Amino acid sequence: MKIRVIVLALACLRPSMLPAQRATEGMVYFGAMGGIATLSGDANAVITPTSASTSSYDPSNGGAASAFIGVHIFNYISVQADYVWNRNDVILVSSNSGGGATSFYRLPESVTQNGFLGNALVYFRKRESRIRPYLSEGVGAVLIHSRLSAGGIVAGNPALPPASSDRASIALRTSVGLDLRFRDAWHFRYSFGETITRILSAISFLPRNTESPKTFKVSLAFISGSKEPALIS
């Protein structure tokens, strides 16, 4: 299943009070963001001469938030730790027919993700540049909680997903973006990222879809840190 998350957010960040001995080292920053999470749906089907099975996953928009802390360790390299949260309501639909019997369900479910990731950011321009494009690679873990909601429809004897479940998955994230410097230590950041996990929901799909879930995120932020080097264009 493919999962897409779009987040538009503003974040205010304040630096630590650690002094920097050199302009390219020692800048610590932290902040928080909030926005909207949009997940893409998915569907699958298996049809044979004697049976037919279908399943679909239909999500709705939900809330998203994150908190992060990082440090610029060199002119072109920074490291950052992120905590990411998002919640989405989804509709699970599955049907199975064969051998003269038919069963199906339509169940609402809420899915909450809590992610912890470490990232390395590689910039393509020096810290004193006004515009700094970057590439980020990260790895971490995502804790996924799913819970069925009221209002479901069940017919026949289908294999239902559990009422509540908790799972953990390794997460890999790739992001690209740029930092735009306004004045002093204030920056505006735009980024687009993709996070890949092993599983999102304990859906008893018949059939199951084997594609790895993916999360796409677009984020906007204001960043502040310790005193910056003199500005160059």
Protein backbone atom coordinates (compact mmCIF):
# COMPACT_ATOMS: atom_id res chain seq x y z
CA MET A 1 0.00 0.00 0.00
CA LYS A 2 1.16 3.53 -0.71
CA ILE A 3 0.79 6.19 1.97
CA ARG A 4 1.35 9.86 1.29
CA VAL A 5 1.56 12.56 3.91
CA ILE A 6 1.53 16.25 3.05
CA VAL A 7 2.35 18.66 5.85
CA LEU A 8 2.24 22.43 5.68
CA ALA A 9 3.53 23.93 8.90
CA LEU A 10 5.31 26.80 10.54
CA ALA A 11 7.89 26.24 13.24
CA CYS A 12 9.61 28.71 15.55
CA LEU A 13 13.00 27.61 16.76
CA ARG A 14 15.33 28.93 19.38
CA PRO A 15 19.06 28.17 19.70
CA SER A 16 20.82 26.70 22.65
CA MET A 17 23.15 28.98 24.59
CA LEU A 18 26.26 27.02 23.62
CA PRO A 19 28.95 29.35 22.29
CA ALA A 20 30.44 28.55 18.89
CA GLN A 21 34.20 28.82 18.59
CA ARG A 22 34.06 28.78 14.82
CA ALA A 23 31.39 29.94 12.41
CA THR A 24 30.98 26.49 10.90
CA GLU A 25 30.60 24.58 14.18
CA GLY A 26 28.45 24.50 17.26
CA MET A 27 25.10 25.82 16.06
CA VAL A 28 22.30 23.98 17.85
CA TYR A 29 18.67 24.51 16.86
CA PHE A 30 15.33 22.98 17.78
CA GLY A 31 11.66 23.49 16.97
CA ALA A 32 8.21 22.05 16.33
CA MET A 33 5.84 21.87 13.37
CA GLY A 34 2.16 21.09 12.84
CA GLY A 35 0.12 20.49 9.71
CA ILE A 36 -2.16 18.24 7.68
CA ALA A 37 -1.37 14.62 6.84
CA THR A 38 -2.76 13.15 3.62
CA LEU A 39 -2.39 9.43 2.96
CA SER A 40 -2.94 7.85 -0.44
CA GLY A 41 -5.24 4.87 -0.66
CA ASP A 42 -4.62 1.42 -2.07
CA ALA A 43 -6.51 -1.60 -3.37
CA ASN A 44 -5.87 -5.14 -4.54
CA ALA A 45 -7.77 -8.08 -6.00
CA VAL A 46 -7.27 -11.75 -6.79
CA ILE A 47 -9.73 -13.49 -9.14
CA THR A 48 -9.66 -17.19 -9.99
CA PRO A 49 -12.17 -19.42 -11.80
CA THR A 50 -13.66 -20.46 -8.44
CA SER A 51 -13.21 -17.41 -6.16
CA ALA A 52 -12.75 -13.66 -6.01
CA SER A 53 -11.13 -11.60 -3.26
CA THR A 54 -10.81 -7.82 -3.13
CA SER A 55 -9.59 -5.31 -0.57
CA SER A 56 -9.19 -1.55 -0.38
CA TYR A 57 -7.75 1.04 1.99
CA ASP A 58 -9.32 4.52 1.83
CA PRO A 59 -7.76 7.16 4.14
CA SER A 60 -8.89 10.69 5.01
CA ASN A 61 -6.90 13.79 5.84
CA GLY A 62 -5.59 14.00 9.40
CA GLY A 63 -3.35 15.97 11.70
CA ALA A 64 0.43 15.86 11.81
CA ALA A 65 3.09 17.33 14.11
CA SER A 66 6.80 16.99 14.71
CA ALA A 67 9.56 18.19 17.01
CA PHE A 68 13.24 18.22 16.16
CA ILE A 69 16.68 19.23 17.32
CA GLY A 70 19.84 19.52 15.25
CA VAL A 71 23.34 20.89 15.02
CA HIS A 72 25.42 22.30 12.15
CA ILE A 73 28.71 20.47 12.61
CA PHE A 74 30.46 21.64 9.43
CA ASN A 75 29.89 24.11 6.62
CA TYR A 76 28.10 21.51 4.52
CA ILE A 77 26.92 18.90 7.02
CA SER A 78 24.29 18.94 9.78
CA VAL A 79 22.70 16.22 11.89
CA GLN A 80 19.13 16.30 13.17
CA ALA A 81 16.88 14.14 15.37
CA ASP A 82 13.12 14.14 14.71
CA TYR A 83 10.00 13.01 16.51
CA VAL A 84 7.06 12.77 14.09
CA TRP A 85 3.37 12.16 14.84
CA ASN A 86 0.36 11.84 12.56
CA ARG A 87 -3.16 10.43 12.82
CA ASN A 88 -5.52 9.47 10.02
CA ASP A 89 -8.96 7.90 9.74
CA VAL A 90 -9.26 5.16 7.14
CA ILE A 91 -11.99 2.89 5.74
CA LEU A 92 -11.12 -0.78 5.34
CA VAL A 93 -13.13 -2.76 2.77
CA SER A 94 -12.66 -6.43 2.02
CA SER A 95 -14.76 -9.07 0.27
CA ASN A 96 -14.34 -12.76 -0.47
CA SER A 97 -16.58 -15.03 -2.51
CA GLY A 98 -16.16 -18.66 -3.43
CA GLY A 99 -17.59 -22.11 -2.81
CA GLY A 100 -21.12 -20.73 -2.79
CA ALA A 101 -20.46 -18.32 0.13
CA THR A 102 -19.79 -14.60 0.21
CA SER A 103 -18.42 -12.50 3.04
CA PHE A 104 -17.38 -8.87 3.27
CA TYR A 105 -16.82 -5.96 5.65
CA ARG A 106 -16.52 -2.18 5.68
CA LEU A 107 -14.79 -0.95 8.83
CA PRO A 108 -13.64 2.52 9.93
CA GLU A 109 -10.25 2.58 11.62
CA SER A 110 -7.90 5.20 13.05
CA VAL A 111 -4.15 4.87 12.49
CA THR A 112 -1.63 6.79 14.60
CA GLN A 113 2.09 6.87 13.84
CA ASN A 114 4.87 7.96 16.19
CA GLY A 115 8.27 8.09 14.53
CA PHE A 116 11.78 8.64 15.88
CA LEU A 117 14.44 9.31 13.26
CA GLY A 118 18.01 10.48 12.98
CA ASN A 119 18.99 12.41 9.85
CA ALA A 120 22.15 13.63 8.17
CA LEU A 121 21.75 16.78 6.05
CA VAL A 122 24.24 17.52 3.29
CA TYR A 123 24.13 21.11 2.02
CA PHE A 124 25.34 22.24 -1.40
CA ARG A 125 26.36 25.76 -0.32
CA LYS A 126 28.22 27.23 2.66
CA ARG A 127 26.42 28.29 5.83
CA GLU A 128 26.84 31.99 5.05
CA SER A 129 24.88 31.59 1.77
CA ARG A 130 21.42 33.10 1.51
CA ILE A 131 19.96 30.01 -0.22
CA ARG A 132 21.17 26.55 0.79
CA PRO A 133 19.75 23.47 -1.00
CA TYR A 134 20.24 20.20 0.84
CA LEU A 135 19.77 16.44 0.69
CA SER A 136 18.86 14.50 3.83
CA GLU A 137 19.04 10.77 4.58
CA GLY A 138 17.63 9.31 7.78
CA VAL A 139 16.78 6.09 9.57
CA GLY A 140 14.75 5.28 12.63
CA ALA A 141 11.66 3.51 13.89
CA VAL A 142 7.92 4.08 13.64
CA LEU A 143 5.41 2.88 16.24
CA ILE A 144 1.99 2.30 14.64
CA HIS A 145 -1.25 2.06 16.60
CA SER A 146 -4.48 1.01 14.86
CA ARG A 147 -7.94 1.00 16.42
CA LEU A 148 -11.28 0.08 14.88
CA SER A 149 -14.04 2.67 15.24
CA ALA A 150 -17.81 2.26 15.57
CA GLY A 151 -20.13 2.09 12.57
CA GLY A 152 -18.74 -0.91 10.71
CA ILE A 153 -20.66 -3.26 8.41
CA VAL A 154 -19.94 -7.00 8.43
CA ALA A 155 -21.67 -9.77 6.48
CA GLY A 156 -20.89 -13.49 6.38
CA ASN A 157 -17.82 -14.77 8.18
CA PRO A 158 -14.82 -12.67 7.03
CA ALA A 159 -11.45 -12.62 8.75
CA LEU A 160 -11.58 -9.28 10.60
CA PRO A 161 -8.62 -7.14 11.66
CA PRO A 162 -8.04 -6.90 15.44
CA ALA A 163 -9.99 -4.25 17.36
CA SER A 164 -6.70 -2.66 18.44
CA SER A 165 -3.11 -3.40 17.54
CA ASP A 166 0.38 -1.99 18.00
CA ARG A 167 3.30 -2.63 15.68
CA ALA A 168 6.80 -1.30 15.11
CA SER A 169 8.60 -0.83 11.82
CA ILE A 170 11.99 0.32 10.64
CA ALA A 171 11.72 3.63 8.78
CA LEU A 172 13.96 5.00 6.04
CA ARG A 173 13.59 8.63 5.01
CA THR A 174 14.96 10.70 2.14
CA SER A 175 14.35 14.45 1.93
CA VAL A 176 15.36 17.33 -0.31
CA GLY A 177 14.82 21.01 0.32
CA LEU A 178 16.40 24.38 0.86
CA ASP A 179 17.00 26.89 3.64
CA LEU A 180 16.39 30.55 2.79
CA ARG A 181 18.11 33.01 5.10
CA PHE A 182 16.17 36.14 6.06
CA ARG A 183 18.24 37.99 8.65
CA ASP A 184 20.79 37.07 11.28
CA ALA A 185 20.05 33.49 12.33
CA TRP A 186 16.50 33.26 10.95
CA HIS A 187 15.79 30.96 8.03
CA PHE A 188 12.79 29.74 6.07
CA ARG A 189 12.95 26.03 5.18
CA TYR A 190 11.12 24.12 2.48
CA SER A 191 11.49 20.35 2.25
CA PHE A 192 9.95 17.37 0.51
CA GLY A 193 10.58 13.91 1.92
CA GLU A 194 9.69 10.25 1.54
CA THR A 195 9.57 7.77 4.42
CA ILE A 196 9.37 4.02 3.77
CA THR A 197 8.13 1.56 6.42
CA ARG A 198 7.41 -2.15 6.38
CA ILE A 199 3.74 -2.06 7.43
CA LEU A 200 1.09 0.48 8.33
CA SER A 201 -2.01 -1.37 9.48
CA ALA A 202 -2.89 -4.87 10.68
CA ILE A 203 -5.45 -5.20 7.91
CA SER A 204 -6.71 -8.70 7.25
CA PHE A 205 -6.77 -8.04 3.52
CA LEU A 206 -7.69 -10.96 1.33
CA PRO A 207 -5.53 -10.62 -0.67
CA ARG A 208 -2.78 -8.64 1.02
CA ASN A 209 -0.83 -6.03 -0.87
CA THR A 210 2.92 -6.59 -0.60
CA GLU A 211 4.17 -3.10 -1.53
CA SER A 212 6.02 -1.19 1.19
CA PRO A 213 4.09 1.78 2.62
CA LYS A 214 5.51 5.19 1.74
CA THR A 215 4.98 8.56 3.38
CA PHE A 216 5.53 11.74 1.40
CA LYS A 217 5.85 14.96 3.37
CA VAL A 218 6.04 18.60 2.34
CA SER A 219 6.97 20.93 5.20
CA LEU A 220 7.52 24.64 5.73
CA ALA A 221 9.39 25.99 8.75
CA PHE A 222 11.08 29.01 10.25
CA ILE A 223 14.46 28.21 11.77
CA SER A 224 16.53 30.21 14.23
CA GLY A 225 20.00 29.43 15.57
CA SER A 226 23.08 30.98 17.05
CA LYS A 227 24.88 33.86 15.34
CA GLU A 228 25.50 33.15 11.67
CA PRO A 229 28.51 33.97 9.50
CA ALA A 230 28.38 37.08 7.35
CA LEU A 231 25.87 36.75 4.54
CA ILE A 232 26.94 36.08 0.96
CA SER A 233 24.70 35.77 -2.06
